PDB file of N, CA and C in Angstrom:
ATOM      1  N   UNK A   1      -3.691  -2.004 -19.625  1.00  0.00           N
ATOM      2  CA  UNK A   1      -4.191  -1.728 -18.473  1.00  0.00           C
ATOM      3  C   UNK A   1      -3.316  -2.298 -17.384  1.00  0.00           C
ATOM      4  N   UNK A   2      -3.540  -0.779 -16.411  1.00  0.00           N
ATOM      5  CA  UNK A   2      -2.438  -1.284 -14.993  1.00  0.00           C
ATOM      6  C   UNK A   2      -2.399  -2.271 -14.846  1.00  0.00           C
ATOM      7  N   UNK A   3      -1.949  -2.327 -13.604  1.00  0.00           N
ATOM      8  CA  UNK A   3      -2.477  -3.285 -12.497  1.00  0.00           C
ATOM      9  C   UNK A   3      -2.552  -2.660 -11.137  1.00  0.00           C
ATOM     10  N   UNK A   4      -3.589  -2.542 -10.191  1.00  0.00           N
ATOM     11  CA  UNK A   4      -3.764  -2.143  -9.123  1.00  0.00           C
ATOM     12  C   UNK A   4      -3.132  -3.169  -7.831  1.00  0.00           C
ATOM     13  N   UNK A   5      -3.005  -3.017  -7.169  1.00  0.00           N
ATOM     14  CA  UNK A   5      -2.880  -3.576  -5.579  1.00  0.00           C
ATOM     15  C   UNK A   5      -3.347  -2.416  -4.121  1.00  0.00           C
ATOM     16  N   UNK A   6      -3.467  -2.951  -3.269  1.00  0.00           N
ATOM     17  CA  UNK A   6      -4.178  -2.108  -2.404  1.00  0.00           C
ATOM     18  C   UNK A   6      -3.040  -2.676  -1.079  1.00  0.00           C
ATOM     19  N   UNK A   7      -2.328  -1.765  -0.265  1.00  0.00           N
ATOM     20  CA  UNK A   7      -1.050  -1.695   0.978  1.00  0.00           C
ATOM     21  C   UNK A   7      -1.954  -2.625   1.891  1.00  0.00           C
ATOM     22  N   UNK A   8      -1.409  -3.601   2.320  1.00  0.00           N
ATOM     23  CA  UNK A   8      -2.359  -4.401   3.046  1.00  0.00           C
ATOM     24  C   UNK A   8      -2.314  -3.464   4.643  1.00  0.00           C
ATOM     25  N   UNK A   9      -1.593  -2.649   5.546  1.00  0.00           N
ATOM     26  CA  UNK A   9      -1.617  -1.953   6.284  1.00  0.00           C
ATOM     27  C   UNK A   9      -2.073  -0.389   5.906  1.00  0.00           C
ATOM     28  N   UNK A  10      -2.728  -0.503   7.012  1.00  0.00           N
ATOM     29  CA  UNK A  10      -3.479   1.073   6.539  1.00  0.00           C
ATOM     30  C   UNK A  10      -2.815   2.139   7.983  1.00  0.00           C
ATOM     31  N   UNK A  11      -2.280   3.236   6.917  1.00  0.00           N
ATOM     32  CA  UNK A  11      -1.554   4.204   7.589  1.00  0.00           C
ATOM     33  C   UNK A  11      -2.342   4.717   8.465  1.00  0.00           C
ATOM     34  N   UNK A  12      -1.176   5.570   9.000  1.00  0.00           N
ATOM     35  CA  UNK A  12      -1.862   6.550  10.282  1.00  0.00           C
ATOM     36  C   UNK A  12      -3.346   6.741  10.680  1.00  0.00           C
ATOM     37  N   UNK A  13      -3.878   7.611   9.797  1.00  0.00           N
ATOM     38  CA  UNK A  13      -4.703   7.532   9.458  1.00  0.00           C
ATOM     39  C   UNK A  13      -5.847   7.028   9.305  1.00  0.00           C
ATOM     40  N   UNK A  14      -5.796   5.053   8.757  1.00  0.00           N
ATOM     41  CA  UNK A  14      -6.471   4.628   8.557  1.00  0.00           C
ATOM     42  C   UNK A  14      -6.940   3.727   7.575  1.00  0.00           C
ATOM     43  N   UNK A  15      -6.486   4.629   5.899  1.00  0.00           N
ATOM     44  CA  UNK A  15      -6.237   4.540   5.014  1.00  0.00           C
ATOM     45  C   UNK A  15      -5.290   3.420   3.871  1.00  0.00           C
ATOM     46  N   UNK A  16      -6.151   2.564   3.308  1.00  0.00           N
ATOM     47  CA  UNK A  16      -5.957   1.191   3.000  1.00  0.00           C
ATOM     48  C   UNK A  16      -4.720   2.170   1.554  1.00  0.00           C
ATOM     49  N   UNK A  17      -3.462   2.263   1.037  1.00  0.00           N
ATOM     50  CA  UNK A  17      -3.432   3.071  -0.192  1.00  0.00           C
ATOM     51  C   UNK A  17      -4.125   2.153  -0.915  1.00  0.00           C
ATOM     52  N   UNK A  18      -4.396   2.473  -2.512  1.00  0.00           N
ATOM     53  CA  UNK A  18      -4.568   1.361  -3.650  1.00  0.00           C
ATOM     54  C   UNK A  18      -3.524   2.298  -4.598  1.00  0.00           C
ATOM     55  N   UNK A  19      -1.740   1.566  -4.943  1.00  0.00           N
ATOM     56  CA  UNK A  19      -1.513   1.413  -6.769  1.00  0.00           C
ATOM     57  C   UNK A  19      -0.933   1.253  -6.293  1.00  0.00           C
ATOM     58  N   UNK A  20      -0.952   1.571  -8.343  1.00  0.00           N
ATOM     59  CA  UNK A  20      -0.820   1.508  -9.493  1.00  0.00           C
ATOM     60  C   UNK A  20       0.778   0.898  -9.703  1.00  0.00           C
ATOM     61  N   UNK A  21       0.677  -1.023 -10.438  1.00  0.00           N
ATOM     62  CA  UNK A  21       1.691  -1.172 -10.303  1.00  0.00           C
ATOM     63  C   UNK A  21       2.873  -0.151 -10.372  1.00  0.00           C
ATOM     64  N   UNK A  22       4.666  -0.245 -10.271  1.00  0.00           N
ATOM     65  CA  UNK A  22       5.435   0.931 -10.988  1.00  0.00           C
ATOM     66  C   UNK A  22       5.296   1.753 -10.126  1.00  0.00           C
ATOM     67  N   UNK A  23       4.534   2.361  -8.750  1.00  0.00           N
ATOM     68  CA  UNK A  23       4.204   3.048  -8.147  1.00  0.00           C
ATOM     69  C   UNK A  23       5.732   3.645  -6.905  1.00  0.00           C
ATOM     70  N   UNK A  24       6.311   4.164  -6.868  1.00  0.00           N
ATOM     71  CA  UNK A  24       7.174   3.835  -6.151  1.00  0.00           C
ATOM     72  C   UNK A  24       7.107   4.331  -4.400  1.00  0.00           C
ATOM     73  N   UNK A  25       6.095   3.979  -3.976  1.00  0.00           N
ATOM     74  CA  UNK A  25       5.264   3.841  -2.578  1.00  0.00           C
ATOM     75  C   UNK A  25       5.005   2.286  -2.714  1.00  0.00           C
ATOM     76  N   UNK A  26       4.518   1.618  -3.945  1.00  0.00           N
ATOM     77  CA  UNK A  26       4.593   0.870  -3.545  1.00  0.00           C
ATOM     78  C   UNK A  26       4.814  -0.587  -2.457  1.00  0.00           C
ATOM     79  N   UNK A  27       3.892  -1.217  -1.477  1.00  0.00           N
ATOM     80  CA  UNK A  27       4.970  -2.026  -0.584  1.00  0.00           C
ATOM     81  C   UNK A  27       5.296  -3.019  -0.934  1.00  0.00           C
ATOM     82  N   UNK A  28       6.113  -3.558  -0.071  1.00  0.00           N
ATOM     83  CA  UNK A  28       6.552  -5.147  -1.024  1.00  0.00           C
ATOM     84  C   UNK A  28       5.612  -5.575  -0.928  1.00  0.00           C
ATOM     85  N   UNK A  29       5.608  -6.895  -1.608  1.00  0.00           N
ATOM     86  CA  UNK A  29       4.891  -7.487  -2.442  1.00  0.00           C
ATOM     87  C   UNK A  29       4.384  -8.687  -1.341  1.00  0.00           C
ATOM     88  N   UNK A  30       4.641  -9.400  -0.344  1.00  0.00           N
ATOM     89  CA  UNK A  30       3.233  -9.572   1.510  1.00  0.00           C
ATOM     90  C   UNK A  30       3.016  -8.297   1.884  1.00  0.00           C
ATOM     91  N   UNK A  31       3.330  -7.173   1.664  1.00  0.00           N
ATOM     92  CA  UNK A  31       2.375  -6.900   2.352  1.00  0.00           C
ATOM     93  C   UNK A  31       1.274  -6.424   1.121  1.00  0.00           C
ATOM     94  N   UNK A  32       1.177  -6.345   0.235  1.00  0.00           N
ATOM     95  CA  UNK A  32      -0.429  -5.305  -0.988  1.00  0.00           C
ATOM     96  C   UNK A  32      -1.218  -7.125  -1.413  1.00  0.00           C
ATOM     97  N   UNK A  33      -1.793  -6.460  -1.203  1.00  0.00           N
ATOM     98  CA  UNK A  33      -3.399  -7.632  -2.061  1.00  0.00           C
ATOM     99  C   UNK A  33      -3.415  -6.574  -3.739  1.00  0.00           C
ATOM    100  N   UNK A  34      -3.643  -7.679  -4.687  1.00  0.00           N
ATOM    101  CA  UNK A  34      -3.670  -7.774  -5.986  1.00  0.00           C
ATOM    102  C   UNK A  34      -4.946  -7.068  -6.111  1.00  0.00           C
ATOM    103  N   UNK A  35      -5.454  -5.903  -6.744  1.00  0.00           N
ATOM    104  CA  UNK A  35      -7.449  -5.792  -6.794  1.00  0.00           C
ATOM    105  C   UNK A  35      -7.426  -6.456  -8.281  1.00  0.00           C
ATOM    106  N   UNK A  36      -6.290  -6.012  -8.869  1.00  0.00           N
ATOM    107  CA  UNK A  36      -6.921  -6.147 -10.970  1.00  0.00           C
ATOM    108  C   UNK A  36      -6.663  -5.256 -11.851  1.00  0.00           C
ATOM    109  N   UNK A  37      -6.921  -5.506 -13.123  1.00  0.00           N
ATOM    110  CA  UNK A  37      -6.721  -4.237 -13.477  1.00  0.00           C
ATOM    111  C   UNK A  37      -7.460  -3.951 -14.249  1.00  0.00           C
ATOM    112  N   UNK A  38      -6.713  -2.625 -13.991  1.00  0.00           N
ATOM    113  CA  UNK A  38      -8.439  -1.362 -15.032  1.00  0.00           C
ATOM    114  C   UNK A  38      -8.379  -0.349 -15.690  1.00  0.00           C
ATOM    115  N   UNK A  39      -8.063  -0.087 -16.456  1.00  0.00           N
ATOM    116  CA  UNK A  39      -8.175   1.970 -16.680  1.00  0.00           C
ATOM    117  C   UNK A  39      -7.857   2.656 -16.144  1.00  0.00           C
ATOM    118  N   UNK A  40      -8.887   2.771 -15.474  1.00  0.00           N
ATOM    119  CA  UNK A  40      -8.813   3.649 -14.123  1.00  0.00           C
ATOM    120  C   UNK A  40      -8.382   3.540 -12.582  1.00  0.00           C
ATOM    121  N   UNK A  41      -7.943   4.393 -11.694  1.00  0.00           N
ATOM    122  CA  UNK A  41      -7.877   4.391 -10.422  1.00  0.00           C
ATOM    123  C   UNK A  41      -9.764   4.063  -9.888  1.00  0.00           C
ATOM    124  N   UNK A  42     -10.495   4.581 -10.420  1.00  0.00           N
ATOM    125  CA  UNK A  42     -11.638   4.289  -9.537  1.00  0.00           C
ATOM    126  C   UNK A  42     -12.046   3.405  -9.351  1.00  0.00           C
ATOM    127  N   UNK A  43     -11.648   2.969 -10.522  1.00  0.00           N
ATOM    128  CA  UNK A  43     -12.654   1.366 -10.377  1.00  0.00           C
ATOM    129  C   UNK A  43     -11.466   0.718  -9.587  1.00  0.00           C
ATOM    130  N   UNK A  44     -10.215   0.622  -9.740  1.00  0.00           N
ATOM    131  CA  UNK A  44      -9.351  -0.234  -8.215  1.00  0.00           C
ATOM    132  C   UNK A  44      -9.227  -0.030  -6.994  1.00  0.00           C
ATOM    133  N   UNK A  45     -10.273   1.876  -6.778  1.00  0.00           N
ATOM    134  CA  UNK A  45     -10.702   2.029  -5.695  1.00  0.00           C
ATOM    135  C   UNK A  45     -11.376   1.223  -4.896  1.00  0.00           C
ATOM    136  N   UNK A  46     -12.899   1.278  -5.831  1.00  0.00           N
ATOM    137  CA  UNK A  46     -14.096   0.857  -5.823  1.00  0.00           C
ATOM    138  C   UNK A  46     -14.042  -0.956  -5.302  1.00  0.00           C
ATOM    139  N   UNK A  47     -13.342  -1.457  -6.082  1.00  0.00           N
ATOM    140  CA  UNK A  47     -12.709  -3.021  -5.843  1.00  0.00           C
ATOM    141  C   UNK A  47     -12.050  -2.772  -4.279  1.00  0.00           C
ATOM    142  N   UNK A  48     -11.457  -2.127  -4.028  1.00  0.00           N
ATOM    143  CA  UNK A  48     -10.176  -2.316  -2.755  1.00  0.00           C
ATOM    144  C   UNK A  48     -11.427  -2.128  -2.067  1.00  0.00           C
ATOM    145  N   UNK A  49     -11.901  -1.127  -1.656  1.00  0.00           N
ATOM    146  CA  UNK A  49     -12.918  -0.982  -1.106  1.00  0.00           C
ATOM    147  C   UNK A  49     -13.721  -1.859  -0.602  1.00  0.00           C
ATOM    148  N   UNK A  50     -14.056  -2.913  -1.623  1.00  0.00           N
ATOM    149  CA  UNK A  50     -14.800  -5.062  -1.386  1.00  0.00           C
ATOM    150  C   UNK A  50     -14.099  -5.503   0.072  1.00  0.00           C
ATOM    151  N   UNK A  51     -12.503  -4.942  -0.199  1.00  0.00           N
ATOM    152  CA  UNK A  51     -11.494  -5.322   0.702  1.00  0.00           C
ATOM    153  C   UNK A  51     -11.279  -5.647   1.764  1.00  0.00           C
ATOM    154  N   UNK A  52     -11.369  -3.464   1.740  1.00  0.00           N
ATOM    155  CA  UNK A  52     -11.041  -2.962   2.607  1.00  0.00           C
ATOM    156  C   UNK A  52     -11.434  -1.552   2.942  1.00  0.00           C
ATOM    157  N   UNK A  53     -12.535  -1.356   3.785  1.00  0.00           N
ATOM    158  CA  UNK A  53     -13.657  -0.506   3.255  1.00  0.00           C
ATOM    159  C   UNK A  53     -13.050   1.315   3.408  1.00  0.00           C
ATOM    160  N   UNK A  54     -11.764   1.473   3.919  1.00  0.00           N
ATOM    161  CA  UNK A  54     -11.293   2.493   4.080  1.00  0.00           C
ATOM    162  C   UNK A  54     -10.387   2.704   2.888  1.00  0.00           C
ATOM    163  N   UNK A  55     -10.265   2.413   1.380  1.00  0.00           N
ATOM    164  CA  UNK A  55      -8.915   2.207   0.185  1.00  0.00           C
ATOM    165  C   UNK A  55      -9.078   3.856   0.233  1.00  0.00           C
ATOM    166  N   UNK A  56      -8.265   4.075  -0.631  1.00  0.00           N
ATOM    167  CA  UNK A  56      -7.965   5.884  -0.283  1.00  0.00           C
ATOM    168  C   UNK A  56      -6.384   5.178  -2.107  1.00  0.00           C
ATOM    169  N   UNK A  57      -7.339   6.072  -2.725  1.00  0.00           N
ATOM    170  CA  UNK A  57      -6.042   6.011  -4.061  1.00  0.00           C
ATOM    171  C   UNK A  57      -4.864   7.165  -3.288  1.00  0.00           C
ATOM    172  N   UNK A  58      -3.349   6.246  -3.970  1.00  0.00           N
ATOM    173  CA  UNK A  58      -1.955   6.731  -3.509  1.00  0.00           C
ATOM    174  C   UNK A  58      -2.389   8.095  -4.054  1.00  0.00           C
ATOM    175  N   UNK A  59      -1.668   8.782  -3.519  1.00  0.00           N
ATOM    176  CA  UNK A  59      -1.591  10.085  -3.518  1.00  0.00           C
ATOM    177  C   UNK A  59      -0.867  10.993  -4.959  1.00  0.00           C
ATOM    178  N   UNK A  60       0.832   9.894  -4.743  1.00  0.00           N
ATOM    179  CA  UNK A  60       1.320   9.813  -6.301  1.00  0.00           C
ATOM    180  C   UNK A  60       0.995   9.003  -7.275  1.00  0.00           C
ATOM    181  N   UNK A  61       0.646   8.018  -7.675  1.00  0.00           N
ATOM    182  CA  UNK A  61       0.063   7.304  -8.767  1.00  0.00           C
ATOM    183  C   UNK A  61      -1.346   7.482  -8.911  1.00  0.00           C
ATOM    184  N   UNK A  62      -2.414   7.599  -7.797  1.00  0.00           N
ATOM    185  CA  UNK A  62      -3.784   7.761  -8.620  1.00  0.00           C
ATOM    186  C   UNK A  62      -4.214   9.174  -7.460  1.00  0.00           C
ATOM    187  N   UNK A  63      -3.877   9.930  -7.606  1.00  0.00           N
ATOM    188  CA  UNK A  63      -4.108  10.936  -7.416  1.00  0.00           C
ATOM    189  C   UNK A  63      -6.026  11.648  -7.353  1.00  0.00           C
ATOM    190  N   UNK A  64      -5.737  10.899  -8.840  1.00  0.00           N
ATOM    191  CA  UNK A  64      -8.000  11.542  -9.147  1.00  0.00           C
ATOM    192  C   UNK A  64      -8.622  10.651  -7.768  1.00  0.00           C
ATOM    193  N   UNK A  65      -7.772   9.805  -6.896  1.00  0.00           N
ATOM    194  CA  UNK A  65      -8.470   9.041  -6.412  1.00  0.00           C
ATOM    195  C   UNK A  65      -8.107   9.443  -5.114  1.00  0.00           C
ATOM    196  N   UNK A  66      -7.017   9.909  -4.254  1.00  0.00           N
ATOM    197  CA  UNK A  66      -6.587  10.273  -3.722  1.00  0.00           C
ATOM    198  C   UNK A  66      -8.040  11.192  -2.918  1.00  0.00           C
ATOM    199  N   UNK A  67      -8.440  10.754  -1.487  1.00  0.00           N
ATOM    200  CA  UNK A  67      -9.619  11.800  -1.017  1.00  0.00           C
ATOM    201  C   UNK A  67      -9.209  12.285  -0.330  1.00  0.00           C
ATOM    202  N   UNK A  68      -8.066  11.588   0.853  1.00  0.00           N
ATOM    203  CA  UNK A  68      -8.248  11.992   2.400  1.00  0.00           C
ATOM    204  C   UNK A  68      -6.856  12.565   2.316  1.00  0.00           C
TER     205      UNK A  68
END
């Protein structure tokens, strides 16, 4: 199962992006929080929303979960 991480730093719109391990847009280790191993990004984003209410899937690696 893929490993997912959420960016500690919000984007300009306030979202904290959720990335699948290996994404070319994943933040460096000190700027991300491990969310867990999930079969799909939907579960990863739900878990990340417990950390950051404004979590959203990355447009590149978690496109089905990218809403804004």
